[in-house]
Structures are given as C-alpha cells and as structure tokens.
Amino acid sequence: GKIAPVIDYFIQTDFCDRGSIKILDV
C-alpha cells in the first residue's frame, strides 16, 4: 500500500514453504 503518493511499502510472508514459515520481503 501507500502512506503518501510517493511512499509505498510491501510485506511478504510464506506461511508454509514445505512446512516452514519464512519472512521473505519487508
């Protein structure tokens, strides 16, 4: 999402990568 027209963010978590939880992108 965005908090301003020129500021955005991204968060991605894999809750089951062959049984493992991994925080991928922040």
PDB file of all heavy atoms in Angstrom:
ATOM      1  N   GLY A   1       0.815  -1.203   0.000  1.00  0.00           N
ATOM      2  CA  GLY A   1       0.000   0.000   0.000  1.00  0.00           C
ATOM      3  C   GLY A   1       0.847   1.250   0.000  1.00  0.00           C
ATOM      4  O   GLY A   1       2.068   1.209  -0.190  1.00  0.00           O
ATOM      5  N   LYS A   2       0.206   2.385   0.219  1.00  0.00           N
ATOM      6  CA  LYS A   2       0.856   3.691   0.247  1.00  0.00           C
ATOM      7  C   LYS A   2       0.476   4.436   1.522  1.00  0.00           C
ATOM      8  O   LYS A   2      -0.615   4.237   2.059  1.00  0.00           O
ATOM      9  CB  LYS A   2       0.432   4.532  -0.966  1.00  0.00           C
ATOM     10  CG  LYS A   2       0.869   4.015  -2.325  1.00  0.00           C
ATOM     11  CD  LYS A   2       0.297   4.888  -3.421  1.00  0.00           C
ATOM     12  CE  LYS A   2       0.784   4.456  -4.805  1.00  0.00           C
ATOM     13  NZ  LYS A   2       2.198   4.802  -5.018  1.00  0.00           N
ATOM     14  N   ILE A   3       1.384   5.295   1.972  1.00  0.00           N
ATOM     15  CA  ILE A   3       1.035   6.236   3.035  1.00  0.00           C
ATOM     16  C   ILE A   3       1.091   7.665   2.511  1.00  0.00           C
ATOM     17  O   ILE A   3       0.756   8.602   3.226  1.00  0.00           O
ATOM     18  CB  ILE A   3       1.947   6.087   4.268  1.00  0.00           C
ATOM     19  CG1 ILE A   3       3.389   6.472   3.933  1.00  0.00           C
ATOM     20  CG2 ILE A   3       1.889   4.664   4.814  1.00  0.00           C
ATOM     21  CD1 ILE A   3       4.265   6.650   5.161  1.00  0.00           C
ATOM     22  N   ALA A   4       1.543   7.810   1.250  1.00  0.00           N
ATOM     23  CA  ALA A   4       1.576   9.092   0.549  1.00  0.00           C
ATOM     24  C   ALA A   4       1.705   8.759  -0.934  1.00  0.00           C
ATOM     25  O   ALA A   4       2.080   7.641  -1.283  1.00  0.00           O
ATOM     26  CB  ALA A   4       2.747   9.959   1.021  1.00  0.00           C
ATOM     27  N   PRO A   5       1.394   9.692  -1.826  1.00  0.00           N
ATOM     28  CA  PRO A   5       1.508   9.389  -3.257  1.00  0.00           C
ATOM     29  C   PRO A   5       2.882   8.898  -3.685  1.00  0.00           C
ATOM     30  O   PRO A   5       2.998   8.180  -4.673  1.00  0.00           O
ATOM     31  CB  PRO A   5       1.159  10.730  -3.918  1.00  0.00           C
ATOM     32  CG  PRO A   5       0.277  11.421  -2.928  1.00  0.00           C
ATOM     33  CD  PRO A   5       0.798  11.020  -1.586  1.00  0.00           C
ATOM     34  N   VAL A   6       3.944   9.281  -2.950  1.00  0.00           N
ATOM     35  CA  VAL A   6       5.298   8.888  -3.351  1.00  0.00           C
ATOM     36  C   VAL A   6       5.952   7.935  -2.359  1.00  0.00           C
ATOM     37  O   VAL A   6       7.155   7.688  -2.430  1.00  0.00           O
ATOM     38  CB  VAL A   6       6.192  10.135  -3.530  1.00  0.00           C
ATOM     39  CG1 VAL A   6       5.675  10.995  -4.673  1.00  0.00           C
ATOM     40  CG2 VAL A   6       6.276  10.928  -2.231  1.00  0.00           C
ATOM     41  N   ILE A   7       5.175   7.386  -1.428  1.00  0.00           N
ATOM     42  CA  ILE A   7       5.731   6.469  -0.432  1.00  0.00           C
ATOM     43  C   ILE A   7       4.884   5.201  -0.414  1.00  0.00           C
ATOM     44  O   ILE A   7       3.681   5.250  -0.154  1.00  0.00           O
ATOM     45  CB  ILE A   7       5.753   7.098   0.975  1.00  0.00           C
ATOM     46  CG1 ILE A   7       6.567   8.389   0.977  1.00  0.00           C
ATOM     47  CG2 ILE A   7       6.323   6.114   1.983  1.00  0.00           C
ATOM     48  CD1 ILE A   7       6.527   9.137   2.299  1.00  0.00           C
ATOM     49  N   ASP A   8       5.510   4.058  -0.703  1.00  0.00           N
ATOM     50  CA  ASP A   8       4.786   2.795  -0.669  1.00  0.00           C
ATOM     51  C   ASP A   8       5.590   1.753   0.100  1.00  0.00           C
ATOM     52  O   ASP A   8       6.752   1.963   0.460  1.00  0.00           O
ATOM     53  CB  ASP A   8       4.437   2.304  -2.075  1.00  0.00           C
ATOM     54  CG  ASP A   8       5.663   2.120  -2.966  1.00  0.00           C
ATOM     55  OD1 ASP A   8       6.728   2.669  -2.614  1.00  0.00           O
ATOM     56  OD2 ASP A   8       5.562   1.437  -3.994  1.00  0.00           O
ATOM     57  N   TYR A   9       4.956   0.596   0.359  1.00  0.00           N
ATOM     58  CA  TYR A   9       5.580  -0.454   1.157  1.00  0.00           C
ATOM     59  C   TYR A   9       5.095  -1.815   0.679  1.00  0.00           C
ATOM     60  O   TYR A   9       4.085  -1.933  -0.047  1.00  0.00           O
ATOM     61  CB  TYR A   9       5.250  -0.269   2.643  1.00  0.00           C
ATOM     62  CG  TYR A   9       3.768  -0.295   2.946  1.00  0.00           C
ATOM     63  CD1 TYR A   9       3.097  -1.489   3.213  1.00  0.00           C
ATOM     64  CD2 TYR A   9       3.020   0.886   2.960  1.00  0.00           C
ATOM     65  CE1 TYR A   9       1.734  -1.508   3.481  1.00  0.00           C
ATOM     66  CE2 TYR A   9       1.666   0.872   3.222  1.00  0.00           C
ATOM     67  CZ  TYR A   9       1.034  -0.319   3.482  1.00  0.00           C
ATOM     68  OH  TYR A   9      -0.314  -0.331   3.734  1.00  0.00           O
ATOM     69  N   PHE A  10       5.808  -2.870   1.102  1.00  0.00           N
ATOM     70  CA  PHE A  10       5.472  -4.232   0.701  1.00  0.00           C
ATOM     71  C   PHE A  10       5.974  -5.191   1.769  1.00  0.00           C
ATOM     72  O   PHE A  10       7.112  -5.084   2.243  1.00  0.00           O
ATOM     73  CB  PHE A  10       6.128  -4.555  -0.649  1.00  0.00           C
ATOM     74  CG  PHE A  10       5.799  -5.919  -1.181  1.00  0.00           C
ATOM     75  CD1 PHE A  10       4.617  -6.153  -1.853  1.00  0.00           C
ATOM     76  CD2 PHE A  10       6.699  -6.965  -1.032  1.00  0.00           C
ATOM     77  CE1 PHE A  10       4.319  -7.415  -2.362  1.00  0.00           C
ATOM     78  CE2 PHE A  10       6.418  -8.232  -1.544  1.00  0.00           C
ATOM     79  CZ  PHE A  10       5.213  -8.453  -2.206  1.00  0.00           C
ATOM     80  N   ILE A  11       5.117  -6.129   2.161  1.00  0.00           N
ATOM     81  CA  ILE A  11       5.472  -7.166   3.131  1.00  0.00           C
ATOM     82  C   ILE A  11       4.998  -8.507   2.575  1.00  0.00           C
ATOM     83  O   ILE A  11       3.848  -8.629   2.135  1.00  0.00           O
ATOM     84  CB  ILE A  11       4.824  -6.911   4.506  1.00  0.00           C
ATOM     85  CG1 ILE A  11       5.257  -5.557   5.068  1.00  0.00           C
ATOM     86  CG2 ILE A  11       5.176  -8.023   5.487  1.00  0.00           C
ATOM     87  CD1 ILE A  11       4.500  -5.150   6.326  1.00  0.00           C
ATOM     88  N   GLN A  12       5.869  -9.517   2.608  1.00  0.00           N
ATOM     89  CA  GLN A  12       5.505 -10.844   2.096  1.00  0.00           C
ATOM     90  C   GLN A  12       6.024 -11.926   3.025  1.00  0.00           C
ATOM     91  O   GLN A  12       7.205 -11.944   3.377  1.00  0.00           O
ATOM     92  CB  GLN A  12       6.074 -11.055   0.689  1.00  0.00           C
ATOM     93  CG  GLN A  12       5.757 -12.419   0.122  1.00  0.00           C
ATOM     94  CD  GLN A  12       6.165 -12.571  -1.325  1.00  0.00           C
ATOM     95  OE1 GLN A  12       5.405 -13.071  -2.142  1.00  0.00           O
ATOM     96  NE2 GLN A  12       7.373 -12.143  -1.675  1.00  0.00           N
ATOM     97  N   THR A  13       5.131 -12.815   3.426  1.00  0.00           N
ATOM     98  CA  THR A  13       5.477 -13.939   4.295  1.00  0.00           C
ATOM     99  C   THR A  13       4.937 -15.223   3.691  1.00  0.00           C
ATOM    100  O   THR A  13       3.811 -15.256   3.201  1.00  0.00           O
ATOM    101  CB  THR A  13       4.896 -13.749   5.708  1.00  0.00           C
ATOM    102  OG1 THR A  13       5.425 -12.551   6.284  1.00  0.00           O
ATOM    103  CG2 THR A  13       5.249 -14.926   6.607  1.00  0.00           C
ATOM    104  N   ASP A  14       5.760 -16.264   3.725  1.00  0.00           N
ATOM    105  CA  ASP A  14       5.312 -17.584   3.293  1.00  0.00           C
ATOM    106  C   ASP A  14       5.010 -18.398   4.549  1.00  0.00           C
ATOM    107  O   ASP A  14       5.911 -18.729   5.313  1.00  0.00           O
ATOM    108  CB  ASP A  14       6.390 -18.277   2.461  1.00  0.00           C
ATOM    109  CG  ASP A  14       5.797 -19.341   1.545  1.00  0.00           C
ATOM    110  OD1 ASP A  14       4.810 -19.975   1.962  1.00  0.00           O
ATOM    111  OD2 ASP A  14       6.299 -19.524   0.427  1.00  0.00           O
ATOM    112  N   PHE A  15       3.731 -18.695   4.758  1.00  0.00           N
ATOM    113  CA  PHE A  15       3.318 -19.384   5.970  1.00  0.00           C
ATOM    114  C   PHE A  15       3.481 -20.894   5.873  1.00  0.00           C
ATOM    115  O   PHE A  15       3.344 -21.593   6.879  1.00  0.00           O
ATOM    116  CB  PHE A  15       1.876 -19.026   6.320  1.00  0.00           C
ATOM    117  CG  PHE A  15       1.720 -17.618   6.816  1.00  0.00           C
ATOM    118  CD1 PHE A  15       1.382 -16.596   5.955  1.00  0.00           C
ATOM    119  CD2 PHE A  15       1.941 -17.319   8.149  1.00  0.00           C
ATOM    120  CE1 PHE A  15       1.250 -15.290   6.408  1.00  0.00           C
ATOM    121  CE2 PHE A  15       1.818 -16.022   8.619  1.00  0.00           C
ATOM    122  CZ  PHE A  15       1.468 -14.999   7.740  1.00  0.00           C
ATOM    123  N   CYS A  16       3.772 -21.406   4.676  1.00  0.00           N
ATOM    124  CA  CYS A  16       4.037 -22.840   4.542  1.00  0.00           C
ATOM    125  C   CYS A  16       4.843 -23.087   3.277  1.00  0.00           C
ATOM    126  O   CYS A  16       4.279 -23.351   2.214  1.00  0.00           O
ATOM    127  CB  CYS A  16       2.741 -23.645   4.519  1.00  0.00           C
ATOM    128  SG  CYS A  16       3.011 -25.437   4.613  1.00  0.00           S
ATOM    129  N   ASP A  17       6.147 -22.985   3.392  1.00  0.00           N
ATOM    130  CA  ASP A  17       7.061 -23.363   2.316  1.00  0.00           C
ATOM    131  C   ASP A  17       7.572 -24.760   2.646  1.00  0.00           C
ATOM    132  O   ASP A  17       8.542 -24.931   3.364  1.00  0.00           O
ATOM    133  CB  ASP A  17       8.213 -22.365   2.216  1.00  0.00           C
ATOM    134  CG  ASP A  17       9.203 -22.711   1.112  1.00  0.00           C
ATOM    135  OD1 ASP A  17       9.109 -23.824   0.555  1.00  0.00           O
ATOM    136  OD2 ASP A  17      10.064 -21.885   0.807  1.00  0.00           O
ATOM    137  N   ARG A  18       6.829 -25.775   2.200  1.00  0.00           N
ATOM    138  CA  ARG A  18       7.123 -27.179   2.515  1.00  0.00           C
ATOM    139  C   ARG A  18       7.210 -27.405   4.024  1.00  0.00           C
ATOM    140  O   ARG A  18       8.056 -28.145   4.524  1.00  0.00           O
ATOM    141  CB  ARG A  18       8.410 -27.618   1.824  1.00  0.00           C
ATOM    142  CG  ARG A  18       8.308 -27.707   0.320  1.00  0.00           C
ATOM    143  CD  ARG A  18       9.635 -27.773  -0.372  1.00  0.00           C
ATOM    144  NE  ARG A  18      10.363 -26.518  -0.251  1.00  0.00           N
ATOM    145  CZ  ARG A  18      11.504 -26.265  -0.873  1.00  0.00           C
ATOM    146  NH1 ARG A  18      12.051 -27.182  -1.646  1.00  0.00           N
ATOM    147  NH2 ARG A  18      12.109 -25.106  -0.726  1.00  0.00           N
ATOM    148  N   GLY A  19       6.328 -26.722   4.763  1.00  0.00           N
ATOM    149  CA  GLY A  19       6.253 -26.917   6.204  1.00  0.00           C
ATOM    150  C   GLY A  19       6.954 -25.867   7.031  1.00  0.00           C
ATOM    151  O   GLY A  19       6.856 -25.900   8.267  1.00  0.00           O
ATOM    152  N   SER A  20       7.648 -24.916   6.405  1.00  0.00           N
ATOM    153  CA  SER A  20       8.381 -23.886   7.138  1.00  0.00           C
ATOM    154  C   SER A  20       7.760 -22.511   6.917  1.00  0.00           C
ATOM    155  O   SER A  20       7.213 -22.241   5.842  1.00  0.00           O
ATOM    156  CB  SER A  20       9.847 -23.852   6.694  1.00  0.00           C
ATOM    157  OG  SER A  20      10.483 -25.094   6.928  1.00  0.00           O
ATOM    158  N   ILE A  21       7.862 -21.651   7.919  1.00  0.00           N
ATOM    159  CA  ILE A  21       7.411 -20.265   7.823  1.00  0.00           C
ATOM    160  C   ILE A  21       8.618 -19.381   7.533  1.00  0.00           C
ATOM    161  O   ILE A  21       9.646 -19.478   8.204  1.00  0.00           O
ATOM    162  CB  ILE A  21       6.720 -19.809   9.118  1.00  0.00           C
ATOM    163  CG1 ILE A  21       5.477 -20.664   9.398  1.00  0.00           C
ATOM    164  CG2 ILE A  21       6.331 -18.335   9.038  1.00  0.00           C
ATOM    165  CD1 ILE A  21       4.789 -20.342  10.712  1.00  0.00           C
ATOM    166  N   LYS A  22       8.498 -18.528   6.513  1.00  0.00           N
ATOM    167  CA  LYS A  22       9.614 -17.675   6.114  1.00  0.00           C
ATOM    168  C   LYS A  22       9.119 -16.255   5.865  1.00  0.00           C
ATOM    169  O   LYS A  22       8.164 -16.054   5.113  1.00  0.00           O
ATOM    170  CB  LYS A  22      10.277 -18.205   4.840  1.00  0.00           C
ATOM    171  CG  LYS A  22      10.894 -19.585   4.983  1.00  0.00           C
ATOM    172  CD  LYS A  22      11.497 -20.054   3.671  1.00  0.00           C
ATOM    173  CE  LYS A  22      12.123 -21.438   3.800  1.00  0.00           C
ATOM    174  NZ  LYS A  22      12.691 -21.911   2.511  1.00  0.00           N
ATOM    175  N   ILE A  23       9.772 -15.269   6.492  1.00  0.00           N
ATOM    176  CA  ILE A  23       9.519 -13.861   6.185  1.00  0.00           C
ATOM    177  C   ILE A  23      10.415 -13.510   5.001  1.00  0.00           C
ATOM    178  O   ILE A  23      11.635 -13.491   5.118  1.00  0.00           O
ATOM    179  CB  ILE A  23       9.804 -12.959   7.391  1.00  0.00           C
ATOM    180  CG1 ILE A  23       8.886 -13.337   8.561  1.00  0.00           C
ATOM    181  CG2 ILE A  23       9.613 -11.490   7.024  1.00  0.00           C
ATOM    182  CD1 ILE A  23       9.171 -12.589   9.834  1.00  0.00           C
ATOM    183  N   LEU A  24       9.820 -13.206   3.855  1.00  0.00           N
ATOM    184  CA  LEU A  24      10.580 -13.052   2.619  1.00  0.00           C
ATOM    185  C   LEU A  24      10.928 -11.607   2.294  1.00  0.00           C
ATOM    186  O   LEU A  24      12.077 -11.285   2.040  1.00  0.00           O
ATOM    187  CB  LEU A  24       9.788 -13.670   1.455  1.00  0.00           C
ATOM    188  CG  LEU A  24       9.472 -15.164   1.603  1.00  0.00           C
ATOM    189  CD1 LEU A  24       8.572 -15.614   0.469  1.00  0.00           C
ATOM    190  CD2 LEU A  24      10.750 -15.989   1.638  1.00  0.00           C
ATOM    191  N   ASP A  25       9.928 -10.745   2.254  1.00  0.00           N
ATOM    192  CA  ASP A  25      10.152  -9.359   1.830  1.00  0.00           C
ATOM    193  C   ASP A  25       9.551  -8.393   2.835  1.00  0.00           C
ATOM    194  O   ASP A  25       8.408  -8.574   3.276  1.00  0.00           O
ATOM    195  CB  ASP A  25       9.514  -9.104   0.461  1.00  0.00           C
ATOM    196  CG  ASP A  25      10.108  -9.990  -0.614  1.00  0.00           C
ATOM    197  OD1 ASP A  25      11.195  -9.658  -1.104  1.00  0.00           O
ATOM    198  OD2 ASP A  25       9.493 -11.016  -0.955  1.00  0.00           O
ATOM    199  N   VAL A  26      10.319  -7.374   3.172  1.00  0.00           N
ATOM    200  CA  VAL A  26       9.847  -6.276   4.024  1.00  0.00           C
ATOM    201  C   VAL A  26      10.580  -5.027   3.558  1.00  0.00           C
ATOM    202  O   VAL A  26      11.770  -4.865   3.836  1.00  0.00           O
ATOM    203  CB  VAL A  26      10.148  -6.522   5.523  1.00  0.00           C
ATOM    204  CG1 VAL A  26       9.575  -5.387   6.354  1.00  0.00           C
ATOM    205  CG2 VAL A  26       9.588  -7.850   5.993  1.00  0.00           C
TER     206      VAL A  26
END
